[in-house]
Amino acid sequence: MSDMLIPLSSRSPVTHWLPPMIELLTSPEAWVSLAVLTLMEVVLGIDNIVFITILCGRLPRAQQLTGRRLGLAGALFTRVLLLLAINWLAHLSQVLFTVVRPWTGRDLVLLAGGLFLLWKATREIYSNVEHPEDHGEQAKNKKTVTLASVVAQVMLLDIVFSIDSVITAVGMADDVEIMIAAILLAVLIMMLFAAPVGDFVENNP
């Protein structure tokens, strides 16, 4: 009867998306996926906190904690935009060309993402093994900068640092709502631990 009284064209977007959202919230698989993705985002985001700490170390002591939190909040915005862009590209199912096998937009995104993850892992291993002394050099060369400039740098450079976690999230989950929720929870957790992790990095350069 309700369908007869309310034309489909006049239904609000909230009414249209409500049944899928309720189904998602009541799915055990969705909650497991959310927990796994959140944990993964936190683990892969540790280097982000270290990097943010180094950048915010240029600020006056009284502004450093504020800089870390604002930087993470801004990084949340850029990370969600990056997620939406990569997720859109990853769901392109039209065959673009054929070399040995048909290649779609999703295949190209996942291939590029896999190569990026391989390059980043190799670079990190080389940096840690061959040049371990370089990790603390940036913290020694502090210059006074403005809070706004530090937050802007964090937002821009977080895109590079978070590509690995975003690509992994797109490959692991099918629902973009779960991916966004996982990123939100991970950033909130990192905000809570930004101060102790930052203090540890500063005391152990």
N, C-alpha and C. Protein backbone atom coordinates (compact mmCIF):
# COMPACT_ATOMS: atom_id res chain seq x y z
N MET A 1 0.82 -1.20 0.00
CA MET A 1 0.00 0.00 0.00
C MET A 1 0.85 1.25 0.00
N SER A 2 1.97 1.24 0.74
CA SER A 2 2.82 2.43 0.81
C SER A 2 3.41 2.76 -0.55
N ASP A 3 3.72 1.71 -1.36
CA ASP A 3 4.26 1.95 -2.68
C ASP A 3 3.22 2.59 -3.59
N MET A 4 1.92 2.27 -3.34
CA MET A 4 0.86 2.85 -4.14
C MET A 4 0.64 4.31 -3.78
N LEU A 5 0.84 4.65 -2.52
CA LEU A 5 0.58 6.01 -2.06
C LEU A 5 1.75 6.94 -2.35
N ILE A 6 2.99 6.41 -2.34
CA ILE A 6 4.17 7.25 -2.54
C ILE A 6 4.86 6.82 -3.82
N PRO A 7 4.82 7.65 -4.86
CA PRO A 7 5.49 7.30 -6.11
C PRO A 7 6.98 7.10 -5.89
N LEU A 8 7.54 6.17 -6.68
CA LEU A 8 8.97 5.89 -6.54
C LEU A 8 9.81 7.13 -6.82
N SER A 9 9.37 7.95 -7.77
CA SER A 9 10.16 9.11 -8.14
C SER A 9 10.20 10.17 -7.07
N SER A 10 9.22 10.11 -6.12
CA SER A 10 9.16 11.14 -5.08
C SER A 10 9.84 10.71 -3.79
N ARG A 11 10.38 9.49 -3.74
CA ARG A 11 11.05 9.04 -2.53
C ARG A 11 12.36 9.78 -2.34
N SER A 12 12.67 10.06 -1.10
CA SER A 12 13.90 10.79 -0.79
C SER A 12 15.09 9.85 -0.91
N PRO A 13 16.30 10.41 -1.10
CA PRO A 13 17.50 9.56 -1.14
C PRO A 13 17.68 8.75 0.12
N VAL A 14 17.27 9.31 1.28
CA VAL A 14 17.39 8.58 2.54
C VAL A 14 16.55 7.32 2.51
N THR A 15 15.29 7.45 2.01
CA THR A 15 14.40 6.29 1.92
C THR A 15 14.95 5.25 0.96
N HIS A 16 15.57 5.73 -0.12
CA HIS A 16 16.10 4.82 -1.13
C HIS A 16 17.27 4.00 -0.60
N TRP A 17 18.14 4.63 0.21
CA TRP A 17 19.35 3.96 0.69
C TRP A 17 19.17 3.28 2.04
N LEU A 18 18.01 3.48 2.69
CA LEU A 18 17.82 2.94 4.03
C LEU A 18 17.86 1.42 4.09
N PRO A 19 17.14 0.69 3.23
CA PRO A 19 17.19 -0.79 3.30
C PRO A 19 18.60 -1.36 3.14
N PRO A 20 19.40 -0.91 2.14
CA PRO A 20 20.77 -1.45 2.05
C PRO A 20 21.62 -1.13 3.28
N MET A 21 21.44 0.06 3.87
CA MET A 21 22.22 0.42 5.04
C MET A 21 21.85 -0.45 6.23
N ILE A 22 20.54 -0.71 6.41
CA ILE A 22 20.10 -1.57 7.51
C ILE A 22 20.67 -2.98 7.33
N GLU A 23 20.63 -3.47 6.09
CA GLU A 23 21.18 -4.80 5.81
C GLU A 23 22.68 -4.84 6.11
N LEU A 24 23.37 -3.75 5.78
CA LEU A 24 24.81 -3.69 6.03
C LEU A 24 25.11 -3.68 7.52
N LEU A 25 24.33 -2.92 8.30
CA LEU A 25 24.57 -2.81 9.73
C LEU A 25 24.26 -4.11 10.48
N THR A 26 23.38 -4.93 9.93
CA THR A 26 23.00 -6.17 10.59
C THR A 26 23.79 -7.38 10.08
N SER A 27 24.77 -7.13 9.22
CA SER A 27 25.56 -8.23 8.66
C SER A 27 26.80 -8.48 9.50
N PRO A 28 26.98 -9.69 10.04
CA PRO A 28 28.21 -10.01 10.80
C PRO A 28 29.46 -9.85 9.94
N GLU A 29 29.35 -10.21 8.66
CA GLU A 29 30.51 -10.09 7.78
C GLU A 29 30.95 -8.63 7.64
N ALA A 30 29.98 -7.71 7.64
CA ALA A 30 30.30 -6.29 7.53
C ALA A 30 31.07 -5.81 8.75
N TRP A 31 30.66 -6.26 9.94
CA TRP A 31 31.35 -5.85 11.17
C TRP A 31 32.76 -6.43 11.24
N VAL A 32 32.92 -7.68 10.80
CA VAL A 32 34.25 -8.29 10.76
C VAL A 32 35.15 -7.53 9.79
N SER A 33 34.59 -7.21 8.62
CA SER A 33 35.35 -6.46 7.63
C SER A 33 35.74 -5.09 8.16
N LEU A 34 34.82 -4.44 8.88
CA LEU A 34 35.12 -3.13 9.47
C LEU A 34 36.26 -3.22 10.48
N ALA A 35 36.21 -4.25 11.34
CA ALA A 35 37.26 -4.42 12.35
C ALA A 35 38.62 -4.69 11.71
N VAL A 36 38.64 -5.56 10.70
CA VAL A 36 39.90 -5.90 10.04
C VAL A 36 40.48 -4.69 9.32
N LEU A 37 39.61 -3.96 8.60
CA LEU A 37 40.08 -2.79 7.86
C LEU A 37 40.57 -1.69 8.80
N THR A 38 39.86 -1.50 9.92
CA THR A 38 40.28 -0.48 10.89
C THR A 38 41.65 -0.81 11.46
N LEU A 39 41.84 -2.08 11.85
CA LEU A 39 43.14 -2.50 12.38
C LEU A 39 44.24 -2.31 11.34
N MET A 40 43.93 -2.67 10.10
CA MET A 40 44.91 -2.52 9.02
C MET A 40 45.27 -1.06 8.80
N GLU A 41 44.25 -0.18 8.83
CA GLU A 41 44.49 1.25 8.63
C GLU A 41 45.37 1.81 9.74
N VAL A 42 45.14 1.35 10.97
CA VAL A 42 45.95 1.84 12.10
C VAL A 42 47.40 1.38 11.95
N VAL A 43 47.59 0.09 11.62
CA VAL A 43 48.94 -0.46 11.47
C VAL A 43 49.69 0.25 10.34
N LEU A 44 49.02 0.41 9.20
CA LEU A 44 49.67 1.06 8.06
C LEU A 44 49.80 2.57 8.27
N GLY A 45 49.07 3.11 9.26
CA GLY A 45 49.12 4.55 9.51
C GLY A 45 50.15 4.96 10.54
N ILE A 46 50.89 4.00 11.10
CA ILE A 46 51.92 4.34 12.08
C ILE A 46 52.97 5.27 11.48
N ASP A 47 53.37 4.97 10.23
CA ASP A 47 54.37 5.83 9.60
C ASP A 47 53.83 7.24 9.39
N ASN A 48 52.50 7.35 9.20
CA ASN A 48 51.90 8.68 9.07
C ASN A 48 52.08 9.49 10.35
N ILE A 49 51.87 8.84 11.51
CA ILE A 49 52.01 9.54 12.79
C ILE A 49 53.45 9.99 12.98
N VAL A 50 54.40 9.13 12.62
CA VAL A 50 55.81 9.49 12.75
C VAL A 50 56.13 10.69 11.85
N PHE A 51 55.62 10.64 10.63
CA PHE A 51 55.86 11.74 9.69
C PHE A 51 55.22 13.03 10.19
N ILE A 52 53.98 12.95 10.67
CA ILE A 52 53.29 14.13 11.19
C ILE A 52 54.04 14.70 12.39
N THR A 53 54.57 13.82 13.24
CA THR A 53 55.34 14.27 14.40
C THR A 53 56.57 15.06 13.98
N ILE A 54 57.25 14.57 12.94
CA ILE A 54 58.45 15.27 12.45
C ILE A 54 58.08 16.65 11.92
N LEU A 55 56.98 16.73 11.15
CA LEU A 55 56.55 18.02 10.62
C LEU A 55 56.13 18.97 11.74
N CYS A 56 55.33 18.45 12.68
CA CYS A 56 54.84 19.30 13.77
C CYS A 56 55.95 19.65 14.75
N GLY A 57 57.07 18.94 14.70
CA GLY A 57 58.19 19.27 15.55
C GLY A 57 58.79 20.63 15.24
N ARG A 58 58.48 21.18 14.06
CA ARG A 58 58.95 22.51 13.70
C ARG A 58 58.13 23.61 14.38
N LEU A 59 56.95 23.24 14.86
CA LEU A 59 56.07 24.22 15.50
C LEU A 59 56.53 24.50 16.93
N PRO A 60 56.09 25.63 17.50
CA PRO A 60 56.33 25.85 18.93
C PRO A 60 55.71 24.72 19.75
N ARG A 61 56.30 24.43 20.89
CA ARG A 61 55.88 23.30 21.71
C ARG A 61 54.38 23.33 22.00
N ALA A 62 53.83 24.52 22.26
CA ALA A 62 52.42 24.64 22.64
C ALA A 62 51.47 24.31 21.49
N GLN A 63 51.97 24.37 20.23
CA GLN A 63 51.10 24.13 19.08
C GLN A 63 51.27 22.73 18.48
N GLN A 64 52.21 21.97 18.99
CA GLN A 64 52.51 20.69 18.35
C GLN A 64 51.35 19.69 18.42
N LEU A 65 50.73 19.56 19.59
CA LEU A 65 49.61 18.62 19.71
C LEU A 65 48.44 19.05 18.84
N THR A 66 48.16 20.36 18.82
CA THR A 66 47.09 20.88 17.96
C THR A 66 47.42 20.60 16.49
N GLY A 67 48.68 20.79 16.12
CA GLY A 67 49.08 20.52 14.75
C GLY A 67 48.90 19.06 14.36
N ARG A 68 49.22 18.16 15.28
CA ARG A 68 49.05 16.73 15.00
C ARG A 68 47.58 16.39 14.77
N ARG A 69 46.72 16.92 15.64
CA ARG A 69 45.29 16.59 15.54
C ARG A 69 44.65 17.23 14.31
N LEU A 70 44.98 18.49 14.04
CA LEU A 70 44.45 19.14 12.85
C LEU A 70 44.99 18.48 11.59
N GLY A 71 46.24 18.07 11.63
CA GLY A 71 46.81 17.38 10.48
C GLY A 71 46.11 16.06 10.20
N LEU A 72 45.82 15.31 11.24
CA LEU A 72 45.10 14.04 11.07
C LEU A 72 43.68 14.27 10.59
N ALA A 73 43.03 15.33 11.11
CA ALA A 73 41.66 15.64 10.67
C ALA A 73 41.66 16.02 9.20
N GLY A 74 42.62 16.83 8.78
CA GLY A 74 42.72 17.18 7.37
C GLY A 74 43.08 15.98 6.51
N ALA A 75 43.94 15.11 7.05
CA ALA A 75 44.31 13.90 6.32
C ALA A 75 43.11 12.98 6.13
N LEU A 76 42.18 12.98 7.09
CA LEU A 76 40.96 12.19 6.95
C LEU A 76 40.19 12.62 5.72
N PHE A 77 40.08 13.93 5.51
CA PHE A 77 39.35 14.47 4.36
C PHE A 77 40.01 14.05 3.05
N THR A 78 41.32 14.25 2.94
CA THR A 78 42.01 13.90 1.70
C THR A 78 42.01 12.39 1.47
N ARG A 79 42.06 11.61 2.55
CA ARG A 79 42.09 10.16 2.40
C ARG A 79 40.75 9.63 1.90
N VAL A 80 39.65 10.20 2.37
CA VAL A 80 38.33 9.79 1.90
C VAL A 80 38.17 10.13 0.42
N LEU A 81 38.62 11.32 0.02
CA LEU A 81 38.57 11.69 -1.40
C LEU A 81 39.39 10.73 -2.24
N LEU A 82 40.57 10.37 -1.76
CA LEU A 82 41.42 9.42 -2.47
C LEU A 82 40.75 8.06 -2.56
N LEU A 83 40.11 7.64 -1.47
CA LEU A 83 39.40 6.36 -1.46
C LEU A 83 38.29 6.34 -2.50
N LEU A 84 37.48 7.41 -2.55
CA LEU A 84 36.38 7.47 -3.51
C LEU A 84 36.89 7.43 -4.94
N ALA A 85 38.00 8.12 -5.20
CA ALA A 85 38.55 8.14 -6.56
C ALA A 85 39.07 6.76 -6.96
N ILE A 86 39.85 6.13 -6.08
CA ILE A 86 40.41 4.81 -6.40
C ILE A 86 39.30 3.77 -6.48
N ASN A 87 38.30 3.87 -5.59
CA ASN A 87 37.20 2.91 -5.62
C ASN A 87 36.42 3.02 -6.92
N TRP A 88 36.22 4.25 -7.40
CA TRP A 88 35.52 4.44 -8.68
C TRP A 88 36.32 3.83 -9.82
N LEU A 89 37.62 4.08 -9.84
CA LEU A 89 38.46 3.52 -10.90
C LEU A 89 38.50 2.00 -10.83
N ALA A 90 38.50 1.47 -9.60
CA ALA A 90 38.62 0.02 -9.43
C ALA A 90 37.38 -0.73 -9.86
N HIS A 91 36.24 -0.03 -9.98
CA HIS A 91 35.01 -0.69 -10.37
C HIS A 91 34.69 -0.50 -11.85
N LEU A 92 35.65 -0.01 -12.61
CA LEU A 92 35.45 0.09 -14.05
C LEU A 92 35.61 -1.30 -14.66
N SER A 93 34.53 -1.84 -15.15
CA SER A 93 34.53 -3.23 -15.63
C SER A 93 34.62 -3.35 -17.14
N GLN A 94 34.62 -2.24 -17.85
CA GLN A 94 34.69 -2.30 -19.31
C GLN A 94 36.09 -2.69 -19.76
N VAL A 95 36.17 -3.62 -20.70
CA VAL A 95 37.46 -4.07 -21.21
C VAL A 95 38.08 -2.95 -22.05
N LEU A 96 39.30 -2.55 -21.68
CA LEU A 96 39.98 -1.46 -22.39
C LEU A 96 40.85 -1.98 -23.53
N PHE A 97 41.54 -3.09 -23.30
CA PHE A 97 42.37 -3.69 -24.33
C PHE A 97 42.66 -5.13 -23.94
N THR A 98 43.25 -5.87 -24.86
CA THR A 98 43.57 -7.27 -24.61
C THR A 98 45.03 -7.54 -24.93
N VAL A 99 45.79 -7.92 -23.89
CA VAL A 99 47.17 -8.36 -24.05
C VAL A 99 47.32 -9.60 -23.18
N VAL A 100 47.34 -10.78 -23.83
CA VAL A 100 47.33 -12.08 -23.16
C VAL A 100 45.95 -12.35 -22.56
N ARG A 101 45.36 -11.33 -21.94
CA ARG A 101 44.05 -11.45 -21.31
C ARG A 101 43.35 -10.10 -21.42
N PRO A 102 42.02 -10.06 -21.24
CA PRO A 102 41.32 -8.77 -21.26
C PRO A 102 41.69 -7.93 -20.03
N TRP A 103 41.90 -6.62 -20.24
CA TRP A 103 42.27 -5.71 -19.16
C TRP A 103 41.19 -4.65 -19.00
N THR A 104 40.70 -4.52 -17.74
CA THR A 104 39.70 -3.50 -17.41
C THR A 104 40.36 -2.40 -16.58
N GLY A 105 39.58 -1.34 -16.31
CA GLY A 105 40.09 -0.27 -15.46
C GLY A 105 40.44 -0.78 -14.07
N ARG A 106 39.64 -1.70 -13.54
CA ARG A 106 39.92 -2.28 -12.23
C ARG A 106 41.26 -3.03 -12.24
N ASP A 107 41.50 -3.80 -13.30
CA ASP A 107 42.76 -4.54 -13.39
C ASP A 107 43.96 -3.60 -13.38
N LEU A 108 43.84 -2.49 -14.10
CA LEU A 108 44.95 -1.54 -14.17
C LEU A 108 45.20 -0.87 -12.82
N VAL A 109 44.11 -0.53 -12.11
CA VAL A 109 44.25 0.10 -10.80
C VAL A 109 44.92 -0.86 -9.82
N LEU A 110 44.45 -2.12 -9.80
CA LEU A 110 45.03 -3.10 -8.88
C LEU A 110 46.48 -3.42 -9.24
N LEU A 111 46.79 -3.47 -10.55
CA LEU A 111 48.17 -3.71 -10.97
C LEU A 111 49.07 -2.56 -10.54
N ALA A 112 48.61 -1.32 -10.81
CA ALA A 112 49.40 -0.15 -10.40
C ALA A 112 49.56 -0.11 -8.89
N GLY A 113 48.48 -0.44 -8.17
CA GLY A 113 48.55 -0.45 -6.71
C GLY A 113 49.51 -1.51 -6.20
N GLY A 114 49.49 -2.69 -6.80
CA GLY A 114 50.41 -3.74 -6.39
C GLY A 114 51.86 -3.37 -6.64
N LEU A 115 52.13 -2.76 -7.80
CA LEU A 115 53.50 -2.32 -8.10
C LEU A 115 53.95 -1.23 -7.13
N PHE A 116 53.00 -0.33 -6.77
CA PHE A 116 53.35 0.73 -5.81
C PHE A 116 53.68 0.13 -4.45
N LEU A 117 52.87 -0.82 -3.99
CA LEU A 117 53.13 -1.46 -2.70
C LEU A 117 54.48 -2.18 -2.71
N LEU A 118 54.79 -2.84 -3.83
CA LEU A 118 56.08 -3.54 -3.94
C LEU A 118 57.23 -2.54 -3.90
N TRP A 119 57.08 -1.43 -4.63
CA TRP A 119 58.14 -0.40 -4.64
C TRP A 119 58.32 0.21 -3.26
N LYS A 120 57.21 0.52 -2.59
CA LYS A 120 57.31 1.16 -1.28
C LYS A 120 57.94 0.22 -0.25
N ALA A 121 57.55 -1.06 -0.28
CA ALA A 121 58.12 -2.02 0.66
C ALA A 121 59.63 -2.17 0.42
N THR A 122 60.03 -2.26 -0.85
CA THR A 122 61.46 -2.38 -1.18
C THR A 122 62.22 -1.15 -0.72
N ARG A 123 61.64 0.02 -0.93
CA ARG A 123 62.29 1.28 -0.54
C ARG A 123 62.45 1.37 0.97
N GLU A 124 61.40 0.95 1.71
CA GLU A 124 61.47 1.00 3.17
C GLU A 124 62.53 0.05 3.71
N ILE A 125 62.59 -1.17 3.14
CA ILE A 125 63.59 -2.14 3.58
C ILE A 125 65.00 -1.62 3.32
N TYR A 126 65.21 -1.05 2.13
CA TYR A 126 66.53 -0.51 1.79
C TYR A 126 66.89 0.64 2.72
N SER A 127 65.92 1.52 3.00
CA SER A 127 66.18 2.67 3.86
C SER A 127 66.54 2.24 5.28
N ASN A 128 65.81 1.23 5.80
CA ASN A 128 66.06 0.78 7.16
C ASN A 128 67.38 0.03 7.30
N VAL A 129 67.74 -0.72 6.25
CA VAL A 129 68.95 -1.55 6.33
C VAL A 129 70.21 -0.75 5.98
N GLU A 130 70.14 0.04 4.90
CA GLU A 130 71.32 0.73 4.39
C GLU A 130 71.55 2.10 5.01
N HIS A 131 70.46 2.82 5.37
CA HIS A 131 70.61 4.18 5.90
C HIS A 131 69.72 4.38 7.13
N PRO A 132 69.91 3.62 8.19
CA PRO A 132 69.06 3.78 9.38
C PRO A 132 69.26 5.11 10.08
N GLU A 133 70.40 5.78 9.83
CA GLU A 133 70.66 7.04 10.52
C GLU A 133 69.86 8.19 9.93
N ASP A 134 69.27 8.02 8.74
CA ASP A 134 68.57 9.12 8.08
C ASP A 134 67.22 9.41 8.70
N HIS A 135 66.66 8.49 9.51
CA HIS A 135 65.31 8.67 10.03
C HIS A 135 65.22 9.83 11.00
N GLY A 136 66.29 10.13 11.69
CA GLY A 136 66.22 11.21 12.67
C GLY A 136 66.77 12.53 12.18
N GLU A 137 67.24 12.58 10.93
CA GLU A 137 67.88 13.79 10.45
C GLU A 137 66.90 14.95 10.33
N GLN A 138 65.68 14.66 9.83
CA GLN A 138 64.73 15.74 9.64
C GLN A 138 64.33 16.37 10.95
N ALA A 139 64.30 15.59 12.02
CA ALA A 139 63.90 16.14 13.31
C ALA A 139 64.94 17.10 13.85
N LYS A 140 66.20 16.97 13.38
CA LYS A 140 67.26 17.82 13.90
C LYS A 140 67.26 19.20 13.23
N ASN A 141 66.71 19.27 12.02
CA ASN A 141 66.74 20.52 11.26
C ASN A 141 65.41 21.23 11.39
N LYS A 142 65.10 21.74 12.55
CA LYS A 142 63.82 22.36 12.82
C LYS A 142 63.85 23.84 12.43
N LYS A 143 62.77 24.27 11.78
CA LYS A 143 62.58 25.67 11.47
C LYS A 143 61.17 26.06 11.90
N THR A 144 61.04 27.26 12.42
CA THR A 144 59.74 27.71 12.88
C THR A 144 58.85 27.98 11.67
N VAL A 145 57.69 27.37 11.64
CA VAL A 145 56.74 27.55 10.56
C VAL A 145 55.37 27.81 11.17
N THR A 146 54.40 28.15 10.32
CA THR A 146 53.05 28.43 10.82
C THR A 146 52.26 27.14 10.95
N LEU A 147 51.26 27.17 11.80
CA LEU A 147 50.40 26.00 12.01
C LEU A 147 49.67 25.64 10.72
N ALA A 148 49.18 26.65 10.01
CA ALA A 148 48.43 26.40 8.77
C ALA A 148 49.30 25.73 7.72
N SER A 149 50.55 26.15 7.60
CA SER A 149 51.43 25.56 6.59
C SER A 149 51.75 24.11 6.91
N VAL A 150 51.91 23.80 8.19
CA VAL A 150 52.19 22.42 8.59
C VAL A 150 50.99 21.53 8.30
N VAL A 151 49.78 22.00 8.65
CA VAL A 151 48.57 21.22 8.39
C VAL A 151 48.40 20.99 6.89
N ALA A 152 48.67 22.01 6.08
CA ALA A 152 48.56 21.87 4.62
C ALA A 152 49.55 20.83 4.10
N GLN A 153 50.77 20.86 4.61
CA GLN A 153 51.77 19.86 4.20
C GLN A 153 51.35 18.45 4.58
N VAL A 154 50.79 18.32 5.78
CA VAL A 154 50.34 17.00 6.23
C VAL A 154 49.23 16.48 5.32
N MET A 155 48.27 17.34 4.97
CA MET A 155 47.15 16.93 4.12
C MET A 155 47.63 16.47 2.75
N LEU A 156 48.57 17.22 2.18
CA LEU A 156 49.05 16.88 0.84
C LEU A 156 49.92 15.62 0.85
N LEU A 157 50.86 15.55 1.78
CA LEU A 157 51.78 14.42 1.80
C LEU A 157 51.14 13.15 2.35
N ASP A 158 50.03 13.29 3.11
CA ASP A 158 49.33 12.10 3.59
C ASP A 158 48.75 11.31 2.43
N ILE A 159 48.45 12.00 1.33
CA ILE A 159 47.94 11.29 0.16
C ILE A 159 48.95 10.23 -0.29
N VAL A 160 50.22 10.61 -0.33
CA VAL A 160 51.26 9.66 -0.74
C VAL A 160 51.41 8.54 0.29
N PHE A 161 51.40 8.91 1.57
CA PHE A 161 51.62 7.93 2.63
C PHE A 161 50.43 6.97 2.78
N SER A 162 49.24 7.40 2.37
CA SER A 162 48.06 6.57 2.60
C SER A 162 47.62 5.79 1.37
N ILE A 163 48.33 5.95 0.26
CA ILE A 163 47.94 5.22 -0.95
C ILE A 163 47.94 3.72 -0.71
N ASP A 164 48.94 3.22 0.03
CA ASP A 164 49.03 1.78 0.26
C ASP A 164 47.82 1.27 1.04
N SER A 165 47.43 1.97 2.11
CA SER A 165 46.30 1.51 2.91
C SER A 165 44.99 1.64 2.16
N VAL A 166 44.84 2.69 1.35
CA VAL A 166 43.60 2.88 0.59
C VAL A 166 43.47 1.81 -0.49
N ILE A 167 44.56 1.52 -1.20
CA ILE A 167 44.52 0.48 -2.23
C ILE A 167 44.20 -0.88 -1.60
N THR A 168 44.80 -1.16 -0.45
CA THR A 168 44.52 -2.42 0.24
C THR A 168 43.07 -2.50 0.67
N ALA A 169 42.51 -1.39 1.15
CA ALA A 169 41.11 -1.37 1.57
C ALA A 169 40.18 -1.63 0.39
N VAL A 170 40.47 -1.02 -0.76
CA VAL A 170 39.65 -1.23 -1.95
C VAL A 170 39.72 -2.68 -2.39
N GLY A 171 40.87 -3.31 -2.25
CA GLY A 171 41.01 -4.70 -2.64
C GLY A 171 40.36 -5.68 -1.68
N MET A 172 40.18 -5.27 -0.41
CA MET A 172 39.65 -6.18 0.61
C MET A 172 38.14 -6.09 0.78
N ALA A 173 37.55 -4.91 0.57
CA ALA A 173 36.13 -4.71 0.85
C ALA A 173 35.38 -4.30 -0.41
N ASP A 174 34.08 -4.61 -0.42
CA ASP A 174 33.24 -4.26 -1.56
C ASP A 174 32.39 -3.03 -1.30
N ASP A 175 32.13 -2.72 -0.04
CA ASP A 175 31.25 -1.61 0.32
C ASP A 175 32.06 -0.39 0.70
N VAL A 176 31.86 0.70 -0.04
CA VAL A 176 32.62 1.92 0.23
C VAL A 176 32.26 2.50 1.59
N GLU A 177 31.03 2.22 2.07
CA GLU A 177 30.64 2.72 3.39
C GLU A 177 31.52 2.13 4.48
N ILE A 178 31.84 0.83 4.36
CA ILE A 178 32.71 0.17 5.34
C ILE A 178 34.12 0.75 5.27
N MET A 179 34.60 1.02 4.06
CA MET A 179 35.94 1.60 3.91
C MET A 179 36.03 2.97 4.57
N ILE A 180 35.02 3.82 4.34
CA ILE A 180 35.03 5.16 4.93
C ILE A 180 34.94 5.08 6.45
N ALA A 181 34.08 4.18 6.95
CA ALA A 181 33.95 4.02 8.41
C ALA A 181 35.26 3.54 9.02
N ALA A 182 35.96 2.63 8.34
CA ALA A 182 37.24 2.13 8.84
C ALA A 182 38.28 3.24 8.89
N ILE A 183 38.32 4.07 7.85
CA ILE A 183 39.27 5.19 7.84
C ILE A 183 38.95 6.17 8.95
N LEU A 184 37.65 6.45 9.16
CA LEU A 184 37.24 7.37 10.23
C LEU A 184 37.66 6.85 11.60
N LEU A 185 37.39 5.58 11.87
CA LEU A 185 37.76 4.99 13.16
C LEU A 185 39.28 4.97 13.34
N ALA A 186 40.00 4.64 12.27
CA ALA A 186 41.46 4.58 12.37
C ALA A 186 42.05 5.95 12.68
N VAL A 187 41.52 6.99 12.03
CA VAL A 187 42.03 8.35 12.29
C VAL A 187 41.71 8.78 13.71
N LEU A 188 40.52 8.44 14.21
CA LEU A 188 40.17 8.77 15.60
C LEU A 188 41.12 8.07 16.58
N ILE A 189 41.44 6.80 16.30
CA ILE A 189 42.38 6.07 17.15
C ILE A 189 43.76 6.72 17.10
N MET A 190 44.20 7.10 15.90
CA MET A 190 45.50 7.74 15.77
C MET A 190 45.54 9.09 16.46
N MET A 191 44.40 9.80 16.48
CA MET A 191 44.33 11.06 17.21
C MET A 191 44.54 10.84 18.71
N LEU A 192 43.96 9.76 19.23
CA LEU A 192 44.10 9.46 20.65
C LEU A 192 45.54 9.14 21.02
N PHE A 193 46.24 8.45 20.11
CA PHE A 193 47.60 8.02 20.40
C PHE A 193 48.66 8.92 19.78
N ALA A 194 48.24 10.03 19.17
CA ALA A 194 49.20 10.93 18.53
C ALA A 194 50.18 11.51 19.53
N ALA A 195 49.69 11.89 20.71
CA ALA A 195 50.56 12.51 21.72
C ALA A 195 51.62 11.55 22.25
N PRO A 196 51.25 10.35 22.75
CA PRO A 196 52.29 9.44 23.26
C PRO A 196 53.25 8.96 22.18
N VAL A 197 52.73 8.68 20.97
CA VAL A 197 53.62 8.26 19.89
C VAL A 197 54.56 9.40 19.50
N GLY A 198 54.00 10.62 19.44
CA GLY A 198 54.83 11.77 19.11
C GLY A 198 55.91 12.02 20.13
N ASP A 199 55.57 11.90 21.41
CA ASP A 199 56.57 12.07 22.47
C ASP A 199 57.66 11.01 22.38
N PHE A 200 57.26 9.77 22.06
CA PHE A 200 58.24 8.69 21.94
C PHE A 200 59.20 8.96 20.78
N VAL A 201 58.65 9.43 19.65
CA VAL A 201 59.50 9.71 18.49
C VAL A 201 60.47 10.84 18.79
N GLU A 202 59.99 11.88 19.50
CA GLU A 202 60.85 13.01 19.82
C GLU A 202 61.95 12.62 20.81
N ASN A 203 61.61 11.74 21.74
CA ASN A 203 62.59 11.33 22.74
C ASN A 203 63.55 10.25 22.23
N ASN A 204 63.15 9.59 21.12
CA ASN A 204 64.01 8.54 20.54
C ASN A 204 64.17 8.79 19.04
N PRO A 205 64.86 9.84 18.66
CA PRO A 205 64.99 10.18 17.23
C PRO A 205 65.79 9.13 16.46
